Amino acid sequence: MSIGEDYTDPPLLDLEGEDVETRQWPVDAHEHGLRLDKALVRGVPEFSRSHLQHLIEAGCVLVQTKVAVSPSQKLRVGQLISVALRPTAQAQAFRAEPLALDIRFEDEHLMVLNKPAGLVVHPAPGHWSGTLLNGLLHHHPGATDLPRAGIVHRLDRDTSGVMVVAKTRLAMHALVGAIADRSVHRVYRAIVWGAVSTAEQEVQAPIGRDPRSRIRMAVVASGKPSRTVVRVLHRAPSGHTAVECRLHTGRTHQIRVHMAHLGHPVVGDSLYAGAPAWGMTRQALHAHQLAFDHPCTQTRVEVSVPMPADLAAAWDAVFALG
């Protein structure tokens, strides 16, 4: 498409080093009076309208020689649209990034590592980089050939502790199956509010999306079957209980939801009404132990990792009360 010999491409942004394509076209009669973002959807149909609006906000769209500032800007026939097509955040997320990994076991098939609190496991809105997945892609090249870089289960961002990651497709398939058939032994430790009266109990309550809040899970009749065994380790006179939880299923937020359902939310878990205590402003939850039969060698793998300093201090303080 010719745009005239006297036209010089206007500079967009300093996008050096990014994988950016610039696309240009003149507004035709069918686009006259149309909103800019709607015209972009027509001209760049492979991107979502939301992403194109983000490009406008980032100054990546020009109308004539002026940077567009509003998705609702109305167009006139003959105006030239120029778009610097930055990749979506999702497309940029699966990149290798150096990350210090606390690896407790590793061979050519899998690794078991200690995830610190605050580390996001998988890229998601608001966390498109600096995740465990990015670190795994940097740690071993084979991760690029595996779904989710070999991640077979997740820990919440503010939950610390042990998790297993596959390094081959064979190991990944076997580990996913082992988790599904409950043959992976997963034990967590937590400090919860209130005196848990029953020494050991099994919670079987279905978990699904909370109908009142999309960011929460809840015990709902339409949820997936969920099973947690809760064992009391210590009841403190302060009104807190140290518990050990064994997962038999692996639903999102399972322990947090089940403990809140029992009336004993995890300390520091603001999402499920667990107020801070003992210096804990994040949930006082730690994946303590992981045990399973190695899918390739059949040897038993058992790894326990210590609590991080903040939770260890709170844990010791609860037990010190007698």
C-alpha atoms as a PDB file:
ATOM      1  CA  MET A   1       0.000   0.000   0.000  1.00  0.00           C
ATOM      2  CA  SER A   2       1.521   3.316  -1.109  1.00  0.00           C
ATOM      3  CA  ILE A   3       1.446   6.205   1.335  1.00  0.00           C
ATOM      4  CA  GLY A   4       3.150   8.805  -0.809  1.00  0.00           C
ATOM      5  CA  GLU A   5       6.798   9.521  -1.647  1.00  0.00           C
ATOM      6  CA  ASP A   6       6.947  12.608   0.560  1.00  0.00           C
ATOM      7  CA  TYR A   7       5.922  10.675   3.676  1.00  0.00           C
ATOM      8  CA  THR A   8       8.568   9.811   6.263  1.00  0.00           C
ATOM      9  CA  ASP A   9       7.799   7.209   8.934  1.00  0.00           C
ATOM     10  CA  PRO A  10       7.420   9.088  12.226  1.00  0.00           C
ATOM     11  CA  PRO A  11       9.355   7.731  15.197  1.00  0.00           C
ATOM     12  CA  LEU A  12       7.185   5.802  17.646  1.00  0.00           C
ATOM     13  CA  LEU A  13       9.093   4.848  20.770  1.00  0.00           C
ATOM     14  CA  ASP A  14      12.583   3.693  21.574  1.00  0.00           C
ATOM     15  CA  LEU A  15      11.798  -0.005  21.255  1.00  0.00           C
ATOM     16  CA  GLU A  16      15.339  -1.177  20.582  1.00  0.00           C
ATOM     17  CA  GLY A  17      15.801  -4.824  21.433  1.00  0.00           C
ATOM     18  CA  GLU A  18      12.095  -5.688  21.335  1.00  0.00           C
ATOM     19  CA  ASP A  19      10.451  -7.891  18.749  1.00  0.00           C
ATOM     20  CA  VAL A  20       8.315  -5.144  17.222  1.00  0.00           C
ATOM     21  CA  GLU A  21       6.539  -4.941  13.892  1.00  0.00           C
ATOM     22  CA  THR A  22       5.227  -1.572  12.701  1.00  0.00           C
ATOM     23  CA  ARG A  23       1.993  -1.700  10.726  1.00  0.00           C
ATOM     24  CA  GLN A  24       0.457   1.290   8.889  1.00  0.00           C
ATOM     25  CA  TRP A  25      -2.697   1.958   6.900  1.00  0.00           C
ATOM     26  CA  PRO A  26      -4.849   4.971   5.942  1.00  0.00           C
ATOM     27  CA  VAL A  27      -8.341   5.348   7.354  1.00  0.00           C
ATOM     28  CA  ASP A  28     -10.855   4.446   4.650  1.00  0.00           C
ATOM     29  CA  ALA A  29     -14.473   5.490   4.252  1.00  0.00           C
ATOM     30  CA  HIS A  30     -15.721   2.529   6.283  1.00  0.00           C
ATOM     31  CA  GLU A  31     -13.574   3.606   9.263  1.00  0.00           C
ATOM     32  CA  HIS A  32     -14.488   7.292   9.145  1.00  0.00           C
ATOM     33  CA  GLY A  33     -15.926   8.320  12.541  1.00  0.00           C
ATOM     34  CA  LEU A  34     -14.928   5.005  14.111  1.00  0.00           C
ATOM     35  CA  ARG A  35     -13.237   4.758  17.498  1.00  0.00           C
ATOM     36  CA  LEU A  36      -9.490   4.238  17.246  1.00  0.00           C
ATOM     37  CA  ASP A  37      -9.486   0.971  19.212  1.00  0.00           C
ATOM     38  CA  LYS A  38     -12.206  -0.485  16.983  1.00  0.00           C
ATOM     39  CA  ALA A  39     -10.256   0.487  13.875  1.00  0.00           C
ATOM     40  CA  LEU A  40      -7.182  -1.216  15.335  1.00  0.00           C
ATOM     41  CA  VAL A  41      -9.152  -4.433  15.819  1.00  0.00           C
ATOM     42  CA  ARG A  42     -10.001  -4.314  12.103  1.00  0.00           C
ATOM     43  CA  GLY A  43      -6.442  -3.579  11.056  1.00  0.00           C
ATOM     44  CA  VAL A  44      -4.718  -5.938  13.507  1.00  0.00           C
ATOM     45  CA  PRO A  45      -7.221  -8.770  14.050  1.00  0.00           C
ATOM     46  CA  GLU A  46      -4.648 -11.156  15.546  1.00  0.00           C
ATOM     47  CA  PHE A  47      -4.449  -9.060  18.753  1.00  0.00           C
ATOM     48  CA  SER A  48      -7.202  -8.615  21.320  1.00  0.00           C
ATOM     49  CA  ARG A  49      -8.918  -5.263  21.699  1.00  0.00           C
ATOM     50  CA  SER A  50      -7.651  -5.124  25.277  1.00  0.00           C
ATOM     51  CA  HIS A  51      -4.035  -5.518  24.191  1.00  0.00           C
ATOM     52  CA  LEU A  52      -4.464  -2.907  21.451  1.00  0.00           C
ATOM     53  CA  GLN A  53      -5.844  -0.488  24.043  1.00  0.00           C
ATOM     54  CA  HIS A  54      -2.729  -1.137  26.115  1.00  0.00           C
ATOM     55  CA  LEU A  55      -0.614  -0.258  23.076  1.00  0.00           C
ATOM     56  CA  ILE A  56      -2.468   3.052  22.802  1.00  0.00           C
ATOM     57  CA  GLU A  57      -1.812   3.757  26.483  1.00  0.00           C
ATOM     58  CA  ALA A  58       1.864   2.902  26.008  1.00  0.00           C
ATOM     59  CA  GLY A  59       2.229   5.451  23.189  1.00  0.00           C
ATOM     60  CA  CYS A  60       2.702   2.826  20.507  1.00  0.00           C
ATOM     61  CA  VAL A  61      -0.034   4.162  18.194  1.00  0.00           C
ATOM     62  CA  LEU A  62       0.161   7.262  15.999  1.00  0.00           C
ATOM     63  CA  VAL A  63      -2.599   8.988  14.093  1.00  0.00           C
ATOM     64  CA  GLN A  64      -0.828  11.000  11.426  1.00  0.00           C
ATOM     65  CA  THR A  65       2.289  12.140  13.308  1.00  0.00           C
ATOM     66  CA  LYS A  66       0.738  12.513  16.746  1.00  0.00           C
ATOM     67  CA  VAL A  67       0.812   9.909  19.496  1.00  0.00           C
ATOM     68  CA  ALA A  68      -2.732   8.722  20.181  1.00  0.00           C
ATOM     69  CA  VAL A  69      -3.777   9.146  23.796  1.00  0.00           C
ATOM     70  CA  SER A  70      -7.301   7.758  23.876  1.00  0.00           C
ATOM     71  CA  PRO A  71      -8.889   4.524  22.575  1.00  0.00           C
ATOM     72  CA  SER A  72     -12.113   6.473  21.982  1.00  0.00           C
ATOM     73  CA  GLN A  73     -10.486   8.991  19.627  1.00  0.00           C
ATOM     74  CA  LYS A  74     -12.629   9.335  16.490  1.00  0.00           C
ATOM     75  CA  LEU A  75     -10.938   8.903  13.120  1.00  0.00           C
ATOM     76  CA  ARG A  76     -11.268  10.804   9.855  1.00  0.00           C
ATOM     77  CA  VAL A  77     -10.929   9.376   6.395  1.00  0.00           C
ATOM     78  CA  GLY A  78      -7.406   9.734   4.988  1.00  0.00           C
ATOM     79  CA  GLN A  79      -5.609   9.806   8.369  1.00  0.00           C
ATOM     80  CA  LEU A  80      -2.641   7.451   8.617  1.00  0.00           C
ATOM     81  CA  ILE A  81      -2.571   4.977  11.506  1.00  0.00           C
ATOM     82  CA  SER A  82       0.807   3.615  12.609  1.00  0.00           C
ATOM     83  CA  VAL A  83       1.040   0.860  15.213  1.00  0.00           C
ATOM     84  CA  ALA A  84       4.146  -0.581  16.865  1.00  0.00           C
ATOM     85  CA  LEU A  85       2.998  -4.136  17.554  1.00  0.00           C
ATOM     86  CA  ARG A  86       4.681  -5.071  20.785  1.00  0.00           C
ATOM     87  CA  PRO A  87       4.183  -8.700  21.824  1.00  0.00           C
ATOM     88  CA  THR A  88       1.517  -9.384  24.408  1.00  0.00           C
ATOM     89  CA  ALA A  89       2.576  -9.836  28.006  1.00  0.00           C
ATOM     90  CA  GLN A  90       1.730 -13.528  27.685  1.00  0.00           C
ATOM     91  CA  ALA A  91       4.003 -13.915  24.673  1.00  0.00           C
ATOM     92  CA  GLN A  92       6.884 -12.293  26.530  1.00  0.00           C
ATOM     93  CA  ALA A  93       6.285 -14.240  29.740  1.00  0.00           C
ATOM     94  CA  PHE A  94       7.848 -17.530  28.669  1.00  0.00           C
ATOM     95  CA  ARG A  95      11.417 -16.273  28.651  1.00  0.00           C
ATOM     96  CA  ALA A  96      14.447 -17.558  30.500  1.00  0.00           C
ATOM     97  CA  GLU A  97      15.480 -15.343  33.399  1.00  0.00           C
ATOM     98  CA  PRO A  98      18.261 -16.023  35.910  1.00  0.00           C
ATOM     99  CA  LEU A  99      16.765 -16.924  39.274  1.00  0.00           C
ATOM    100  CA  ALA A 100      18.399 -18.398  42.354  1.00  0.00           C
ATOM    101  CA  LEU A 101      16.762 -21.803  42.861  1.00  0.00           C
ATOM    102  CA  ASP A 102      17.027 -23.620  46.201  1.00  0.00           C
ATOM    103  CA  ILE A 103      17.270 -27.138  44.771  1.00  0.00           C
ATOM    104  CA  ARG A 104      17.150 -29.997  47.288  1.00  0.00           C
ATOM    105  CA  PHE A 105      17.214 -32.932  44.845  1.00  0.00           C
ATOM    106  CA  GLU A 106      17.907 -33.117  41.128  1.00  0.00           C
ATOM    107  CA  ASP A 107      18.698 -35.669  38.455  1.00  0.00           C
ATOM    108  CA  GLU A 108      18.133 -35.830  34.706  1.00  0.00           C
ATOM    109  CA  HIS A 109      14.411 -36.507  35.186  1.00  0.00           C
ATOM    110  CA  LEU A 110      13.178 -34.086  37.845  1.00  0.00           C
ATOM    111  CA  MET A 111      14.045 -31.692  40.617  1.00  0.00           C
ATOM    112  CA  VAL A 112      12.662 -30.954  44.060  1.00  0.00           C
ATOM    113  CA  LEU A 113      13.073 -27.390  45.254  1.00  0.00           C
ATOM    114  CA  ASN A 114      12.259 -25.099  48.138  1.00  0.00           C
ATOM    115  CA  LYS A 115      10.105 -22.189  46.947  1.00  0.00           C
ATOM    116  CA  PRO A 116      10.406 -18.998  48.972  1.00  0.00           C
ATOM    117  CA  ALA A 117       7.352 -17.019  50.009  1.00  0.00           C
ATOM    118  CA  GLY A 118       6.650 -14.181  47.589  1.00  0.00           C
ATOM    119  CA  LEU A 119       7.707 -16.079  44.460  1.00  0.00           C
ATOM    120  CA  VAL A 120       4.989 -16.556  41.855  1.00  0.00           C
ATOM    121  CA  VAL A 121       5.133 -20.025  40.303  1.00  0.00           C
ATOM    122  CA  HIS A 122       3.563 -19.358  36.888  1.00  0.00           C
ATOM    123  CA  PRO A 123       3.212 -16.126  34.865  1.00  0.00           C
ATOM    124  CA  ALA A 124      -0.163 -14.454  35.306  1.00  0.00           C
ATOM    125  CA  PRO A 125      -1.626 -10.945  35.055  1.00  0.00           C
ATOM    126  CA  GLY A 126       0.504  -8.643  37.147  1.00  0.00           C
ATOM    127  CA  HIS A 127       3.361 -11.155  37.233  1.00  0.00           C
ATOM    128  CA  TRP A 128       4.556 -11.722  33.684  1.00  0.00           C
ATOM    129  CA  SER A 129       8.227 -12.050  34.670  1.00  0.00           C
ATOM    130  CA  GLY A 130      10.376 -13.037  37.631  1.00  0.00           C
ATOM    131  CA  THR A 131       8.406 -16.239  38.188  1.00  0.00           C
ATOM    132  CA  LEU A 132       9.607 -19.737  38.982  1.00  0.00           C
ATOM    133  CA  LEU A 133       8.773 -20.723  35.404  1.00  0.00           C
ATOM    134  CA  ASN A 134      11.152 -18.051  34.095  1.00  0.00           C
ATOM    135  CA  GLY A 135      13.872 -19.396  36.376  1.00  0.00           C
ATOM    136  CA  LEU A 136      13.292 -22.980  35.246  1.00  0.00           C
ATOM    137  CA  LEU A 137      13.660 -21.980  31.598  1.00  0.00           C
ATOM    138  CA  HIS A 138      17.050 -20.490  32.487  1.00  0.00           C
ATOM    139  CA  HIS A 139      18.125 -23.430  34.661  1.00  0.00           C
ATOM    140  CA  HIS A 140      17.805 -26.176  32.061  1.00  0.00           C
ATOM    141  CA  PRO A 141      17.231 -25.796  28.292  1.00  0.00           C
ATOM    142  CA  GLY A 142      14.905 -28.800  28.105  1.00  0.00           C
ATOM    143  CA  ALA A 143      12.249 -26.856  30.008  1.00  0.00           C
ATOM    144  CA  THR A 144      11.345 -25.047  26.787  1.00  0.00           C
ATOM    145  CA  ASP A 145       9.982 -28.331  25.372  1.00  0.00           C
ATOM    146  CA  LEU A 146       7.723 -29.044  28.343  1.00  0.00           C
ATOM    147  CA  PRO A 147       4.258 -27.681  29.109  1.00  0.00           C
ATOM    148  CA  ARG A 148       4.583 -25.024  31.833  1.00  0.00           C
ATOM    149  CA  ALA A 149       8.347 -25.719  31.873  1.00  0.00           C
ATOM    150  CA  GLY A 150       7.696 -28.952  33.762  1.00  0.00           C
ATOM    151  CA  ILE A 151       5.589 -27.516  36.592  1.00  0.00           C
ATOM    152  CA  VAL A 152       3.175 -30.234  37.730  1.00  0.00           C
ATOM    153  CA  HIS A 153       1.683 -28.538  40.799  1.00  0.00           C
ATOM    154  CA  ARG A 154       1.797 -25.069  42.303  1.00  0.00           C
ATOM    155  CA  LEU A 155       2.173 -23.273  45.583  1.00  0.00           C
ATOM    156  CA  ASP A 156       0.462 -19.936  46.172  1.00  0.00           C
ATOM    157  CA  ARG A 157       2.724 -16.915  45.900  1.00  0.00           C
ATOM    158  CA  ASP A 158       2.923 -16.358  49.666  1.00  0.00           C
ATOM    159  CA  THR A 159       3.134 -20.036  50.583  1.00  0.00           C
ATOM    160  CA  SER A 160       6.661 -21.315  51.056  1.00  0.00           C
ATOM    161  CA  GLY A 161       8.030 -24.808  50.794  1.00  0.00           C
ATOM    162  CA  VAL A 162       8.808 -27.911  48.813  1.00  0.00           C
ATOM    163  CA  MET A 163       7.578 -28.714  45.307  1.00  0.00           C
ATOM    164  CA  VAL A 164       8.576 -31.070  42.498  1.00  0.00           C
ATOM    165  CA  VAL A 165       9.210 -30.102  38.871  1.00  0.00           C
ATOM    166  CA  ALA A 166       9.635 -32.473  35.926  1.00  0.00           C
ATOM    167  CA  LYS A 167      12.563 -32.182  33.503  1.00  0.00           C
ATOM    168  CA  THR A 168      11.357 -34.660  30.871  1.00  0.00           C
ATOM    169  CA  ARG A 169       7.989 -35.451  29.297  1.00  0.00           C
ATOM    170  CA  LEU A 170       8.131 -38.990  30.679  1.00  0.00           C
ATOM    171  CA  ALA A 171       8.635 -37.715  34.216  1.00  0.00           C
ATOM    172  CA  MET A 172       6.007 -35.018  33.788  1.00  0.00           C
ATOM    173  CA  HIS A 173       3.368 -37.467  32.610  1.00  0.00           C
ATOM    174  CA  ALA A 174       4.154 -39.848  35.465  1.00  0.00           C
ATOM    175  CA  LEU A 175       4.169 -37.138  38.140  1.00  0.00           C
ATOM    176  CA  VAL A 176       0.862 -35.692  36.968  1.00  0.00           C
ATOM    177  CA  GLY A 177      -0.599 -39.189  37.183  1.00  0.00           C
ATOM    178  CA  ALA A 178       0.900 -39.785  40.625  1.00  0.00           C
ATOM    179  CA  ILE A 179      -0.593 -36.558  41.952  1.00  0.00           C
ATOM    180  CA  ALA A 180      -3.966 -37.437  40.433  1.00  0.00           C
ATOM    181  CA  ASP A 181      -4.032 -40.909  42.013  1.00  0.00           C
ATOM    182  CA  ARG A 182      -2.980 -39.533  45.423  1.00  0.00           C
ATOM    183  CA  SER A 183       0.374 -41.346  45.547  1.00  0.00           C
ATOM    184  CA  VAL A 184       2.371 -38.160  46.152  1.00  0.00           C
ATOM    185  CA  HIS A 185       2.587 -37.489  49.891  1.00  0.00           C
ATOM    186  CA  ARG A 186       2.236 -33.743  50.602  1.00  0.00           C
ATOM    187  CA  VAL A 187       2.338 -32.359  54.144  1.00  0.00           C
ATOM    188  CA  TYR A 188       1.901 -28.706  55.093  1.00  0.00           C
ATOM    189  CA  ARG A 189       2.250 -26.877  58.396  1.00  0.00           C
ATOM    190  CA  ALA A 190       0.243 -23.824  59.394  1.00  0.00           C
ATOM    191  CA  ILE A 191      -0.716 -21.589  62.285  1.00  0.00           C
ATOM    192  CA  VAL A 192      -4.452 -21.007  62.432  1.00  0.00           C
ATOM    193  CA  TRP A 193      -6.816 -18.903  64.484  1.00  0.00           C
ATOM    194  CA  GLY A 194      -8.727 -20.505  67.325  1.00  0.00           C
ATOM    195  CA  ALA A 195      -8.339 -23.714  69.296  1.00  0.00           C
ATOM    196  CA  VAL A 196      -8.905 -26.617  66.923  1.00  0.00           C
ATOM    197  CA  SER A 197     -10.724 -29.045  69.188  1.00  0.00           C
ATOM    198  CA  THR A 198     -10.370 -32.316  67.282  1.00  0.00           C
ATOM    199  CA  ALA A 199      -6.911 -33.896  67.462  1.00  0.00           C
ATOM    200  CA  GLU A 200      -7.216 -35.236  63.918  1.00  0.00           C
ATOM    201  CA  GLN A 201     -10.024 -34.818  61.428  1.00  0.00           C
ATOM    202  CA  GLU A 202     -10.690 -35.358  57.753  1.00  0.00           C
ATOM    203  CA  VAL A 203     -12.280 -32.505  55.847  1.00  0.00           C
ATOM    204  CA  GLN A 204     -14.210 -33.547  52.754  1.00  0.00           C
ATOM    205  CA  ALA A 205     -15.817 -30.432  51.326  1.00  0.00           C
ATOM    206  CA  PRO A 206     -16.077 -29.549  47.611  1.00  0.00           C
ATOM    207  CA  ILE A 207     -14.181 -26.456  46.484  1.00  0.00           C
ATOM    208  CA  GLY A 208     -15.083 -24.141  43.621  1.00  0.00           C
ATOM    209  CA  ARG A 209     -15.001 -20.494  42.673  1.00  0.00           C
ATOM    210  CA  ASP A 210     -16.633 -18.250  45.259  1.00  0.00           C
ATOM    211  CA  PRO A 211     -19.821 -16.933  43.598  1.00  0.00           C
ATOM    212  CA  ARG A 212     -19.375 -13.614  45.412  1.00  0.00           C
ATOM    213  CA  SER A 213     -15.725 -13.007  44.495  1.00  0.00           C
ATOM    214  CA  ARG A 214     -13.753 -14.203  41.475  1.00  0.00           C
ATOM    215  CA  ILE A 215     -10.437 -14.028  43.353  1.00  0.00           C
ATOM    216  CA  ARG A 216     -11.573 -16.395  46.108  1.00  0.00           C
ATOM    217  CA  MET A 217     -12.388 -20.064  46.287  1.00  0.00           C
ATOM    218  CA  ALA A 218     -15.063 -21.451  48.603  1.00  0.00           C
ATOM    219  CA  VAL A 219     -16.786 -24.604  49.772  1.00  0.00           C
ATOM    220  CA  VAL A 220     -19.687 -24.859  47.313  1.00  0.00           C
ATOM    221  CA  ALA A 221     -21.970 -27.736  46.397  1.00  0.00           C
ATOM    222  CA  SER A 222     -20.968 -27.496  42.733  1.00  0.00           C
ATOM    223  CA  GLY A 223     -17.238 -27.574  43.520  1.00  0.00           C
ATOM    224  CA  LYS A 224     -14.718 -30.352  42.929  1.00  0.00           C
ATOM    225  CA  PRO A 225     -14.280 -33.060  45.575  1.00  0.00           C
ATOM    226  CA  SER A 226     -11.575 -31.961  48.009  1.00  0.00           C
ATOM    227  CA  ARG A 227     -10.034 -33.840  50.920  1.00  0.00           C
ATOM    228  CA  THR A 228      -7.649 -32.610  53.614  1.00  0.00           C
ATOM    229  CA  VAL A 229      -6.563 -34.375  56.808  1.00  0.00           C
ATOM    230  CA  VAL A 230      -5.869 -31.903  59.636  1.00  0.00           C
ATOM    231  CA  ARG A 231      -3.832 -32.927  62.687  1.00  0.00           C
ATOM    232  CA  VAL A 232      -3.289 -30.713  65.729  1.00  0.00           C
ATOM    233  CA  LEU A 233       0.353 -30.316  66.754  1.00  0.00           C
ATOM    234  CA  HIS A 234      -0.070 -27.702  69.480  1.00  0.00           C
ATOM    235  CA  ARG A 235      -2.797 -25.531  70.977  1.00  0.00           C
ATOM    236  CA  ALA A 236      -1.554 -22.262  72.440  1.00  0.00           C
ATOM    237  CA  PRO A 237      -3.379 -20.378  75.201  1.00  0.00           C
ATOM    238  CA  SER A 238      -3.258 -17.329  72.947  1.00  0.00           C
ATOM    239  CA  GLY A 239      -6.055 -18.834  70.869  1.00  0.00           C
ATOM    240  CA  HIS A 240      -3.910 -20.184  68.052  1.00  0.00           C
ATOM    241  CA  THR A 241      -3.240 -23.730  66.897  1.00  0.00           C
ATOM    242  CA  ALA A 242      -0.278 -25.208  65.065  1.00  0.00           C
ATOM    243  CA  VAL A 243      -1.556 -27.806  62.617  1.00  0.00           C
ATOM    244  CA  GLU A 244      -0.253 -30.257  60.077  1.00  0.00           C
ATOM    245  CA  CYS A 245      -2.335 -30.744  56.935  1.00  0.00           C
ATOM    246  CA  ARG A 246      -2.024 -33.607  54.503  1.00  0.00           C
ATOM    247  CA  LEU A 247      -3.437 -33.039  51.029  1.00  0.00           C
ATOM    248  CA  HIS A 248      -5.295 -35.868  49.314  1.00  0.00           C
ATOM    249  CA  THR A 249      -6.451 -33.578  46.502  1.00  0.00           C
ATOM    250  CA  GLY A 250      -4.857 -30.420  45.186  1.00  0.00           C
ATOM    251  CA  ARG A 251      -7.504 -27.764  44.660  1.00  0.00           C
ATOM    252  CA  THR A 252      -6.654 -24.078  44.428  1.00  0.00           C
ATOM    253  CA  HIS A 253      -6.221 -22.636  47.963  1.00  0.00           C
ATOM    254  CA  GLN A 254      -7.392 -25.974  49.375  1.00  0.00           C
ATOM    255  CA  ILE A 255      -5.903 -25.786  52.878  1.00  0.00           C
ATOM    256  CA  ARG A 256      -6.740 -22.105  53.220  1.00  0.00           C
ATOM    257  CA  VAL A 257     -10.359 -22.706  52.191  1.00  0.00           C
ATOM    258  CA  HIS A 258     -10.837 -25.809  54.320  1.00  0.00           C
ATOM    259  CA  MET A 259      -9.395 -24.193  57.435  1.00  0.00           C
ATOM    260  CA  ALA A 260     -11.577 -21.126  56.953  1.00  0.00           C
ATOM    261  CA  HIS A 261     -14.544 -23.457  56.436  1.00  0.00           C
ATOM    262  CA  LEU A 262     -13.785 -25.051  59.821  1.00  0.00           C
ATOM    263  CA  GLY A 263     -13.790 -21.615  61.415  1.00  0.00           C
ATOM    264  CA  HIS A 264     -10.007 -21.580  61.814  1.00  0.00           C
ATOM    265  CA  PRO A 265      -8.534 -19.378  59.050  1.00  0.00           C
ATOM    266  CA  VAL A 266      -4.793 -19.392  58.540  1.00  0.00           C
ATOM    267  CA  VAL A 267      -3.019 -16.585  60.375  1.00  0.00           C
ATOM    268  CA  GLY A 268      -2.186 -13.714  58.018  1.00  0.00           C
ATOM    269  CA  ASP A 269      -4.464 -14.976  55.250  1.00  0.00           C
ATOM    270  CA  SER A 270      -6.396 -11.782  54.563  1.00  0.00           C
ATOM    271  CA  LEU A 271      -8.220 -13.309  51.587  1.00  0.00           C
ATOM    272  CA  TYR A 272      -9.982 -15.761  53.895  1.00  0.00           C
ATOM    273  CA  ALA A 273     -10.403 -13.570  56.998  1.00  0.00           C
ATOM    274  CA  GLY A 274      -7.217 -14.698  58.714  1.00  0.00           C
ATOM    275  CA  ALA A 275      -5.965 -11.649  60.618  1.00  0.00           C
ATOM    276  CA  PRO A 276      -2.220 -11.058  61.058  1.00  0.00           C
ATOM    277  CA  ALA A 277      -0.498 -12.330  64.228  1.00  0.00           C
ATOM    278  CA  TRP A 278       2.973 -13.235  65.442  1.00  0.00           C
ATOM    279  CA  GLY A 279       4.472 -10.844  62.907  1.00  0.00           C
ATOM    280  CA  MET A 280       2.910 -12.765  60.007  1.00  0.00           C
ATOM    281  CA  THR A 281       1.391 -10.469  57.385  1.00  0.00           C
ATOM    282  CA  ARG A 282       1.236 -13.266  54.790  1.00  0.00           C
ATOM    283  CA  GLN A 283      -0.460 -16.606  55.286  1.00  0.00           C
ATOM    284  CA  ALA A 284       1.347 -18.726  57.880  1.00  0.00           C
ATOM    285  CA  LEU A 285       1.430 -21.767  55.608  1.00  0.00           C
ATOM    286  CA  HIS A 286       4.409 -23.882  54.589  1.00  0.00           C
ATOM    287  CA  ALA A 287       4.743 -26.964  52.374  1.00  0.00           C
ATOM    288  CA  HIS A 288       6.843 -28.994  54.782  1.00  0.00           C
ATOM    289  CA  GLN A 289       7.311 -32.400  53.179  1.00  0.00           C
ATOM    290  CA  LEU A 290       7.024 -34.100  49.800  1.00  0.00           C
ATOM    291  CA  ALA A 291       7.453 -37.830  49.224  1.00  0.00           C
ATOM    292  CA  PHE A 292       6.881 -40.003  46.158  1.00  0.00           C
ATOM    293  CA  ASP A 293       8.274 -42.928  44.189  1.00  0.00           C
ATOM    294  CA  HIS A 294      10.632 -41.657  41.502  1.00  0.00           C
ATOM    295  CA  PRO A 295       8.766 -42.189  38.198  1.00  0.00           C
ATOM    296  CA  CYS A 296      11.870 -43.412  36.356  1.00  0.00           C
ATOM    297  CA  THR A 297      14.107 -45.091  38.955  1.00  0.00           C
ATOM    298  CA  GLN A 298      11.321 -46.205  41.346  1.00  0.00           C
ATOM    299  CA  THR A 299      13.443 -45.153  44.320  1.00  0.00           C
ATOM    300  CA  ARG A 300      11.697 -43.301  47.136  1.00  0.00           C
ATOM    301  CA  VAL A 301      12.229 -39.543  47.147  1.00  0.00           C
ATOM    302  CA  GLU A 302      11.485 -37.791  50.432  1.00  0.00           C
ATOM    303  CA  VAL A 303      12.321 -34.127  50.984  1.00  0.00           C
ATOM    304  CA  SER A 304      11.508 -31.894  53.948  1.00  0.00           C
ATOM    305  CA  VAL A 305      12.414 -28.220  53.994  1.00  0.00           C
ATOM    306  CA  PRO A 306      12.601 -25.854  56.979  1.00  0.00           C
ATOM    307  CA  MET A 307      10.262 -22.923  57.430  1.00  0.00           C
ATOM    308  CA  PRO A 308      11.497 -19.481  56.350  1.00  0.00           C
ATOM    309  CA  ALA A 309      12.630 -17.172  59.138  1.00  0.00           C
ATOM    310  CA  ASP A 310       9.354 -15.261  59.593  1.00  0.00           C
ATOM    311  CA  LEU A 311       7.182 -18.350  59.942  1.00  0.00           C
ATOM    312  CA  ALA A 312       9.788 -20.236  61.975  1.00  0.00           C
ATOM    313  CA  ALA A 313       9.848 -17.409  64.521  1.00  0.00           C
ATOM    314  CA  ALA A 314       6.044 -17.391  64.764  1.00  0.00           C
ATOM    315  CA  TRP A 315       5.951 -21.190  64.989  1.00  0.00           C
ATOM    316  CA  ASP A 316       8.481 -21.256  67.844  1.00  0.00           C
ATOM    317  CA  ALA A 317       6.599 -18.496  69.667  1.00  0.00           C
ATOM    318  CA  VAL A 318       3.331 -20.448  69.524  1.00  0.00           C
ATOM    319  CA  PHE A 319       4.987 -23.564  70.951  1.00  0.00           C
ATOM    320  CA  ALA A 320       6.803 -21.549  73.619  1.00  0.00           C
ATOM    321  CA  LEU A 321       3.490 -20.581  75.195  1.00  0.00           C
ATOM    322  CA  GLY A 322       3.040 -24.119  76.496  1.00  0.00           C
END
